[in-house]
Amino acid sequence: RVRVVGIRLLWEILVLVTGLLFVFCSVLHPWYVSWLLLLVPLTPRRSVLYWSAAVVLTYTAYSSKPVVERAWALWLEYVPFFLFWFQELGTRLKFSLRRVEIVLQPVPPTSEAA
């Protein structure tokens, strides 16, 4: 039997790994990010929603020939995404650390009757 917490954690890890893959890949086509939208109902994240909407700014590079990446478009696309992402990671880390503190609280010694 699988616990619900375990399944939720699995989805969280899947979103994190997929997001890291997309962030560090050398070529990221805008439609790749749309795959993350499939995971949003399972693990709602503002960062993924923002990135999937802002990734359209990538197409501004194709408005000129030769293709030139616009610095303002990249900043507008990635800076808010990373701010949302780090905020979400920090929130989840704080929650996880609180859970660990609760689990790792020292157990009072038991008095043994002689």
Protein backbone atom coordinates (compact mmCIF):
# COMPACT_ATOMS: atom_id res chain seq x y z
CA ARG A 1 0.00 0.00 0.00
CA VAL A 2 1.39 3.42 -1.00
CA ARG A 3 0.79 6.41 1.24
CA VAL A 4 -0.62 9.62 -0.26
CA VAL A 5 2.35 11.59 1.12
CA GLY A 6 4.68 9.29 -0.83
CA ILE A 7 2.80 9.90 -4.08
CA ARG A 8 2.79 13.66 -3.52
CA LEU A 9 6.52 13.55 -2.86
CA LEU A 10 7.01 11.57 -6.07
CA TRP A 11 5.20 14.25 -8.09
CA GLU A 12 7.23 16.98 -6.38
CA ILE A 13 10.47 15.21 -7.28
CA LEU A 14 9.27 14.70 -10.86
CA VAL A 15 8.52 18.42 -11.25
CA LEU A 16 11.87 19.36 -9.69
CA VAL A 17 13.92 17.01 -11.87
CA THR A 18 12.08 17.98 -15.05
CA GLY A 19 12.44 21.67 -14.21
CA LEU A 20 16.17 21.27 -13.56
CA LEU A 21 16.54 19.41 -16.84
CA PHE A 22 14.86 22.26 -18.70
CA VAL A 23 16.79 24.98 -16.86
CA PHE A 24 20.18 23.43 -17.60
CA CYS A 25 19.61 22.11 -21.12
CA SER A 26 21.51 23.90 -23.86
CA VAL A 27 18.56 24.18 -26.25
CA LEU A 28 15.09 24.79 -24.85
CA HIS A 29 12.26 25.07 -27.31
CA PRO A 30 9.23 26.84 -25.85
CA TRP A 31 6.92 23.88 -26.28
CA TYR A 32 9.14 21.77 -24.01
CA VAL A 33 7.98 23.83 -21.03
CA SER A 34 4.36 22.96 -21.83
CA TRP A 35 5.05 19.43 -20.58
CA LEU A 36 5.44 20.87 -17.09
CA LEU A 37 1.87 22.16 -17.32
CA LEU A 38 0.65 18.57 -17.17
CA LEU A 39 2.09 18.33 -13.66
CA VAL A 40 0.59 21.58 -12.34
CA PRO A 41 -2.73 20.02 -11.22
CA LEU A 42 -0.75 17.50 -9.17
CA THR A 43 1.73 19.95 -7.65
CA PRO A 44 0.56 23.54 -8.17
CA ARG A 45 3.51 25.87 -8.61
CA ARG A 46 3.49 29.54 -9.56
CA SER A 47 6.93 29.22 -11.08
CA VAL A 48 5.78 26.64 -13.64
CA LEU A 49 2.65 28.64 -14.48
CA TYR A 50 4.70 31.81 -14.95
CA TRP A 51 7.38 30.11 -17.04
CA SER A 52 4.86 28.45 -19.32
CA ALA A 53 3.25 31.84 -19.96
CA ALA A 54 6.50 33.81 -20.26
CA VAL A 55 8.21 31.32 -22.53
CA VAL A 56 6.33 32.92 -25.43
CA LEU A 57 8.82 35.80 -25.15
CA THR A 58 11.35 33.44 -26.72
CA TYR A 59 9.65 34.03 -30.06
CA THR A 60 10.80 37.67 -30.05
CA ALA A 61 14.20 36.34 -31.13
CA TYR A 62 12.67 35.22 -34.44
CA SER A 63 11.31 38.67 -35.28
CA SER A 64 14.63 39.67 -36.84
CA LYS A 65 17.00 38.07 -39.28
CA PRO A 66 19.48 36.83 -38.26
CA VAL A 67 17.88 35.44 -35.13
CA VAL A 68 18.96 37.50 -32.13
CA GLU A 69 18.04 36.73 -28.53
CA ARG A 70 16.71 39.84 -26.85
CA ALA A 71 18.27 40.40 -23.43
CA TRP A 72 15.16 42.09 -22.05
CA ALA A 73 13.03 39.09 -23.08
CA LEU A 74 15.39 36.66 -21.37
CA TRP A 75 15.43 38.76 -18.19
CA LEU A 76 11.65 39.05 -18.21
CA GLU A 77 11.32 35.34 -18.76
CA TYR A 78 13.86 33.94 -16.31
CA VAL A 79 14.29 36.37 -13.39
CA PRO A 80 10.68 36.16 -12.14
CA PHE A 81 10.68 32.41 -12.81
CA PHE A 82 13.75 31.90 -10.60
CA LEU A 83 12.36 34.22 -7.91
CA PHE A 84 9.14 32.18 -7.79
CA TRP A 85 11.09 28.93 -7.90
CA PHE A 86 13.49 29.82 -5.08
CA GLN A 87 10.58 31.11 -2.97
CA GLU A 88 8.74 27.81 -3.49
CA LEU A 89 11.84 25.77 -2.69
CA GLY A 90 12.44 27.83 0.45
CA THR A 91 8.85 27.35 1.59
CA ARG A 92 9.01 23.62 1.00
CA LEU A 93 12.40 23.38 2.72
CA LYS A 94 11.11 25.23 5.79
CA PHE A 95 8.13 22.88 5.92
CA SER A 96 10.40 19.85 5.57
CA LEU A 97 12.78 21.11 8.26
CA ARG A 98 9.86 21.66 10.64
CA ARG A 99 8.76 18.09 10.06
CA VAL A 100 12.31 16.83 10.69
CA GLU A 101 12.54 18.82 13.94
CA ILE A 102 9.32 17.25 15.13
CA VAL A 103 10.56 13.79 14.25
CA LEU A 104 14.00 14.30 15.78
CA GLN A 105 12.91 15.78 19.10
CA PRO A 106 14.69 14.02 21.95
CA VAL A 107 12.70 11.42 23.78
CA PRO A 108 12.66 11.99 27.54
CA PRO A 109 14.50 9.25 29.42
CA THR A 110 12.32 6.65 30.99
CA SER A 111 12.73 5.97 34.66
CA GLU A 112 13.50 2.36 35.28
CA ALA A 113 12.13 0.95 38.52
CA ALA A 114 14.64 -1.18 40.32
